[in-house]
N, C-alpha and C. Protein backbone atom coordinates (compact mmCIF):
# COMPACT_ATOMS: atom_id res chain seq x y z
N UNK A 1 -15.55 17.69 18.19
CA UNK A 1 -14.66 16.69 17.63
C UNK A 1 -15.17 16.33 16.23
N UNK A 2 -14.25 16.23 15.28
CA UNK A 2 -14.64 15.80 13.94
C UNK A 2 -14.37 14.31 13.79
N UNK A 3 -15.00 13.73 12.79
CA UNK A 3 -14.83 12.30 12.54
C UNK A 3 -13.90 12.11 11.36
N UNK A 4 -12.92 11.23 11.54
CA UNK A 4 -12.01 10.86 10.47
C UNK A 4 -12.45 9.54 9.86
N UNK A 5 -12.32 9.42 8.55
CA UNK A 5 -12.51 8.15 7.89
C UNK A 5 -11.13 7.49 7.81
N UNK A 6 -11.01 6.33 8.41
CA UNK A 6 -9.74 5.62 8.38
C UNK A 6 -9.60 4.88 7.06
N UNK A 7 -8.49 5.12 6.38
CA UNK A 7 -8.17 4.42 5.14
C UNK A 7 -7.33 3.18 5.43
N UNK A 8 -6.76 3.13 6.62
CA UNK A 8 -5.99 1.99 7.11
C UNK A 8 -6.59 1.65 8.47
N UNK A 9 -7.19 0.46 8.61
CA UNK A 9 -7.88 0.13 9.86
C UNK A 9 -6.95 0.05 11.07
N UNK A 10 -5.66 -0.06 10.85
CA UNK A 10 -4.70 -0.17 11.96
C UNK A 10 -4.25 1.19 12.50
N UNK A 11 -4.63 2.27 11.84
CA UNK A 11 -4.14 3.59 12.23
C UNK A 11 -4.73 3.99 13.58
N UNK A 12 -3.89 4.61 14.40
CA UNK A 12 -4.31 5.17 15.69
C UNK A 12 -4.19 6.68 15.57
N UNK A 13 -5.30 7.38 15.64
CA UNK A 13 -5.31 8.83 15.47
C UNK A 13 -5.01 9.57 16.77
N UNK A 14 -4.90 8.84 17.86
CA UNK A 14 -4.60 9.49 19.13
C UNK A 14 -5.65 10.54 19.46
N UNK A 15 -5.18 11.70 19.91
CA UNK A 15 -6.07 12.79 20.30
C UNK A 15 -6.42 13.74 19.16
N UNK A 16 -5.85 13.54 17.98
CA UNK A 16 -6.06 14.47 16.87
C UNK A 16 -7.52 14.81 16.64
N UNK A 17 -8.45 13.85 16.59
CA UNK A 17 -9.85 14.25 16.36
C UNK A 17 -10.39 15.21 17.42
N UNK A 18 -9.89 15.12 18.63
CA UNK A 18 -10.34 15.99 19.71
C UNK A 18 -9.80 17.42 19.57
N UNK A 19 -8.77 17.61 18.77
CA UNK A 19 -8.19 18.94 18.57
C UNK A 19 -9.04 19.79 17.63
N UNK A 20 -9.98 19.17 16.93
CA UNK A 20 -10.74 19.86 15.89
C UNK A 20 -12.23 19.84 16.22
N UNK A 21 -12.81 21.02 16.29
CA UNK A 21 -14.22 21.17 16.65
C UNK A 21 -14.94 21.90 15.52
N UNK A 22 -15.93 21.25 14.89
CA UNK A 22 -16.64 21.92 13.79
C UNK A 22 -17.41 23.17 14.23
N UNK A 23 -17.65 23.32 15.52
CA UNK A 23 -18.35 24.51 16.03
C UNK A 23 -17.40 25.68 16.28
N UNK A 24 -16.11 25.43 16.21
CA UNK A 24 -15.10 26.47 16.37
C UNK A 24 -14.88 27.10 14.99
N UNK A 25 -15.06 28.40 14.83
CA UNK A 25 -14.95 29.01 13.50
C UNK A 25 -13.51 29.12 12.97
N UNK A 26 -12.52 28.86 13.80
CA UNK A 26 -11.13 29.00 13.34
C UNK A 26 -10.76 27.89 12.36
N UNK A 27 -9.79 28.17 11.48
CA UNK A 27 -9.31 27.14 10.57
C UNK A 27 -8.61 26.01 11.34
N UNK A 28 -8.46 24.88 10.67
CA UNK A 28 -7.89 23.69 11.31
C UNK A 28 -6.52 23.95 11.92
N UNK A 29 -5.64 24.65 11.21
CA UNK A 29 -4.29 24.84 11.75
C UNK A 29 -4.30 25.66 13.03
N UNK A 30 -5.22 26.62 13.14
CA UNK A 30 -5.30 27.41 14.37
C UNK A 30 -5.84 26.57 15.53
N UNK A 31 -6.83 25.73 15.25
CA UNK A 31 -7.36 24.86 16.28
C UNK A 31 -6.31 23.87 16.77
N UNK A 32 -5.59 23.25 15.83
CA UNK A 32 -4.54 22.31 16.22
C UNK A 32 -3.45 23.03 17.00
N UNK A 33 -3.08 24.22 16.55
CA UNK A 33 -2.03 24.96 17.22
C UNK A 33 -2.37 25.22 18.69
N UNK A 34 -3.60 25.61 18.97
CA UNK A 34 -3.95 25.90 20.36
C UNK A 34 -4.26 24.65 21.16
N UNK A 35 -4.85 23.64 20.54
CA UNK A 35 -5.25 22.43 21.27
C UNK A 35 -4.14 21.40 21.40
N UNK A 36 -3.07 21.55 20.63
CA UNK A 36 -1.93 20.63 20.67
C UNK A 36 -0.69 21.36 21.21
N UNK A 37 -0.94 22.38 22.01
CA UNK A 37 0.18 23.18 22.51
C UNK A 37 1.16 22.36 23.34
N UNK A 38 0.68 21.33 24.04
CA UNK A 38 1.59 20.47 24.82
C UNK A 38 2.55 19.71 23.93
N UNK A 39 2.18 19.51 22.67
CA UNK A 39 3.03 18.78 21.74
C UNK A 39 3.77 19.68 20.77
N UNK A 40 3.66 20.98 20.95
CA UNK A 40 4.39 21.91 20.09
C UNK A 40 3.52 22.72 19.17
N UNK A 41 2.21 22.43 19.12
CA UNK A 41 1.33 23.19 18.25
C UNK A 41 1.47 22.80 16.79
N UNK A 42 0.92 23.62 15.93
CA UNK A 42 1.01 23.40 14.48
C UNK A 42 2.27 24.08 13.99
N UNK A 43 3.26 23.31 13.61
CA UNK A 43 4.53 23.82 13.12
C UNK A 43 4.80 23.22 11.74
N UNK A 44 4.35 23.88 10.67
CA UNK A 44 4.51 23.31 9.34
C UNK A 44 5.97 23.22 8.90
N UNK A 45 6.24 22.18 8.13
CA UNK A 45 7.55 21.99 7.53
C UNK A 45 7.43 22.28 6.05
N UNK A 46 8.21 23.20 5.57
CA UNK A 46 8.18 23.57 4.15
C UNK A 46 8.96 22.53 3.33
N UNK A 47 8.64 22.44 2.06
CA UNK A 47 9.37 21.57 1.14
C UNK A 47 8.57 20.38 0.66
N UNK A 48 7.44 20.08 1.28
CA UNK A 48 6.62 18.96 0.85
C UNK A 48 5.92 19.30 -0.46
N UNK A 49 5.67 18.27 -1.24
CA UNK A 49 4.80 18.36 -2.40
C UNK A 49 3.67 17.38 -2.17
N UNK A 50 2.57 17.58 -2.86
CA UNK A 50 1.43 16.67 -2.74
C UNK A 50 1.00 16.26 -4.14
N UNK A 51 0.73 14.96 -4.33
CA UNK A 51 0.37 14.51 -5.67
C UNK A 51 -1.14 14.33 -5.79
N UNK A 52 -1.59 13.86 -6.93
CA UNK A 52 -3.03 13.75 -7.20
C UNK A 52 -3.73 12.70 -6.33
N UNK A 53 -2.96 11.77 -5.75
CA UNK A 53 -3.54 10.78 -4.83
C UNK A 53 -3.44 11.24 -3.37
N UNK A 54 -3.10 12.52 -3.19
CA UNK A 54 -2.92 13.12 -1.86
C UNK A 54 -1.80 12.48 -1.05
N UNK A 55 -0.85 11.87 -1.74
CA UNK A 55 0.37 11.41 -1.07
C UNK A 55 1.30 12.61 -0.95
N UNK A 56 1.98 12.71 0.18
CA UNK A 56 2.93 13.80 0.34
C UNK A 56 4.34 13.26 0.11
N UNK A 57 5.17 14.12 -0.46
CA UNK A 57 6.55 13.73 -0.78
C UNK A 57 7.48 14.84 -0.31
N UNK A 58 8.49 14.44 0.44
CA UNK A 58 9.56 15.37 0.81
C UNK A 58 10.76 15.00 -0.03
N UNK A 59 11.46 15.98 -0.61
CA UNK A 59 12.58 15.66 -1.51
C UNK A 59 13.55 14.64 -0.90
N UNK A 60 13.80 13.58 -1.67
CA UNK A 60 14.72 12.53 -1.26
C UNK A 60 14.07 11.41 -0.47
N UNK A 61 12.82 11.57 -0.07
CA UNK A 61 12.11 10.54 0.69
C UNK A 61 11.03 9.90 -0.18
N UNK A 62 10.62 8.66 0.17
CA UNK A 62 9.52 8.05 -0.57
C UNK A 62 8.19 8.74 -0.24
N UNK A 63 7.21 8.64 -1.13
CA UNK A 63 5.90 9.24 -0.85
C UNK A 63 5.26 8.59 0.38
N UNK A 64 4.51 9.39 1.13
CA UNK A 64 3.77 8.89 2.29
C UNK A 64 2.30 8.85 1.94
N UNK A 65 1.69 7.70 2.17
CA UNK A 65 0.28 7.51 1.79
C UNK A 65 -0.66 8.00 2.88
N UNK A 66 -1.84 8.44 2.48
CA UNK A 66 -2.86 8.82 3.46
C UNK A 66 -3.35 7.60 4.23
N UNK A 67 -3.60 7.79 5.53
CA UNK A 67 -4.15 6.71 6.36
C UNK A 67 -5.50 7.09 6.98
N UNK A 68 -5.84 8.38 6.96
CA UNK A 68 -7.14 8.85 7.46
C UNK A 68 -7.42 10.22 6.86
N UNK A 69 -8.72 10.53 6.75
CA UNK A 69 -9.11 11.79 6.12
C UNK A 69 -10.36 12.34 6.81
N UNK A 70 -10.43 13.68 6.87
CA UNK A 70 -11.61 14.35 7.44
C UNK A 70 -11.78 15.69 6.74
N UNK A 71 -12.98 16.24 6.86
CA UNK A 71 -13.26 17.59 6.34
C UNK A 71 -13.63 18.48 7.51
N UNK A 72 -13.12 19.69 7.48
CA UNK A 72 -13.53 20.73 8.42
C UNK A 72 -13.94 21.91 7.55
N UNK A 73 -15.24 22.06 7.40
CA UNK A 73 -15.79 23.02 6.46
C UNK A 73 -15.17 22.80 5.08
N UNK A 74 -14.40 23.74 4.55
CA UNK A 74 -13.84 23.59 3.20
C UNK A 74 -12.42 23.02 3.21
N UNK A 75 -11.87 22.76 4.38
CA UNK A 75 -10.51 22.23 4.48
C UNK A 75 -10.53 20.70 4.50
N UNK A 76 -9.58 20.11 3.81
CA UNK A 76 -9.39 18.67 3.82
C UNK A 76 -8.20 18.37 4.71
N UNK A 77 -8.40 17.52 5.70
CA UNK A 77 -7.33 17.17 6.64
C UNK A 77 -6.98 15.71 6.40
N UNK A 78 -5.72 15.47 6.05
CA UNK A 78 -5.28 14.13 5.73
C UNK A 78 -4.13 13.74 6.64
N UNK A 79 -4.31 12.61 7.33
CA UNK A 79 -3.25 12.04 8.14
C UNK A 79 -2.51 11.05 7.26
N UNK A 80 -1.19 11.18 7.25
CA UNK A 80 -0.34 10.31 6.44
C UNK A 80 0.48 9.39 7.35
N UNK A 81 1.12 8.44 6.72
CA UNK A 81 2.04 7.58 7.46
C UNK A 81 3.02 8.44 8.25
N UNK A 82 3.51 7.88 9.34
CA UNK A 82 4.53 8.52 10.18
C UNK A 82 4.04 9.80 10.85
N UNK A 83 2.71 9.92 11.04
CA UNK A 83 2.10 11.02 11.80
C UNK A 83 2.21 12.39 11.14
N UNK A 84 2.38 12.43 9.84
CA UNK A 84 2.37 13.71 9.13
C UNK A 84 0.94 14.06 8.78
N UNK A 85 0.54 15.30 9.02
CA UNK A 85 -0.82 15.77 8.76
C UNK A 85 -0.76 16.91 7.75
N UNK A 86 -1.55 16.78 6.70
CA UNK A 86 -1.66 17.84 5.70
C UNK A 86 -3.04 18.48 5.82
N UNK A 87 -3.05 19.80 5.77
CA UNK A 87 -4.30 20.55 5.70
C UNK A 87 -4.33 21.19 4.32
N UNK A 88 -5.32 20.78 3.52
CA UNK A 88 -5.40 21.21 2.13
C UNK A 88 -6.59 22.14 1.96
N UNK A 89 -6.32 23.28 1.35
CA UNK A 89 -7.35 24.29 1.09
C UNK A 89 -8.06 23.98 -0.23
N UNK A 90 -9.23 24.58 -0.46
CA UNK A 90 -9.95 24.33 -1.72
C UNK A 90 -9.13 24.62 -2.98
N UNK A 91 -8.18 25.56 -2.92
CA UNK A 91 -7.35 25.87 -4.09
C UNK A 91 -6.13 24.95 -4.20
N UNK A 92 -6.06 23.90 -3.36
CA UNK A 92 -4.99 22.90 -3.30
C UNK A 92 -3.71 23.42 -2.65
N UNK A 93 -3.71 24.64 -2.11
CA UNK A 93 -2.57 25.05 -1.29
C UNK A 93 -2.65 24.23 -0.01
N UNK A 94 -1.51 24.02 0.64
CA UNK A 94 -1.50 23.13 1.80
C UNK A 94 -0.32 23.42 2.71
N UNK A 95 -0.44 22.92 3.93
CA UNK A 95 0.66 22.89 4.88
C UNK A 95 0.72 21.50 5.46
N UNK A 96 1.92 21.09 5.86
CA UNK A 96 2.14 19.77 6.45
C UNK A 96 2.91 19.94 7.75
N UNK A 97 2.46 19.25 8.78
CA UNK A 97 3.16 19.26 10.07
C UNK A 97 3.10 17.86 10.67
N UNK A 98 4.05 17.57 11.54
CA UNK A 98 4.04 16.27 12.24
C UNK A 98 3.26 16.44 13.53
N UNK A 99 2.26 15.60 13.70
CA UNK A 99 1.42 15.62 14.91
C UNK A 99 1.47 14.21 15.48
N UNK A 100 2.32 14.02 16.48
CA UNK A 100 2.45 12.65 17.05
C UNK A 100 2.15 12.62 18.53
């Protein structure tokens, strides 16, 4: 299990930290996909953008702010409002999926 730093003390991360094991060599999205299979796995939604404050924006919607953050090796995992999770690679490429 990895540790998340909560940026909002009211956030409930549910089982998400348990889906990620630093001893598992797989990337975060593969771990979430297999460990969250009861909830649909990792199913990214295309179309999001991410800004310099790591807020995610979907066209036509307001930006969603980060509420918790963790690192898994070189990947940055950011939980945003409304249960959206972004996995950001060192080159700033990313995927976003809803994990609720």
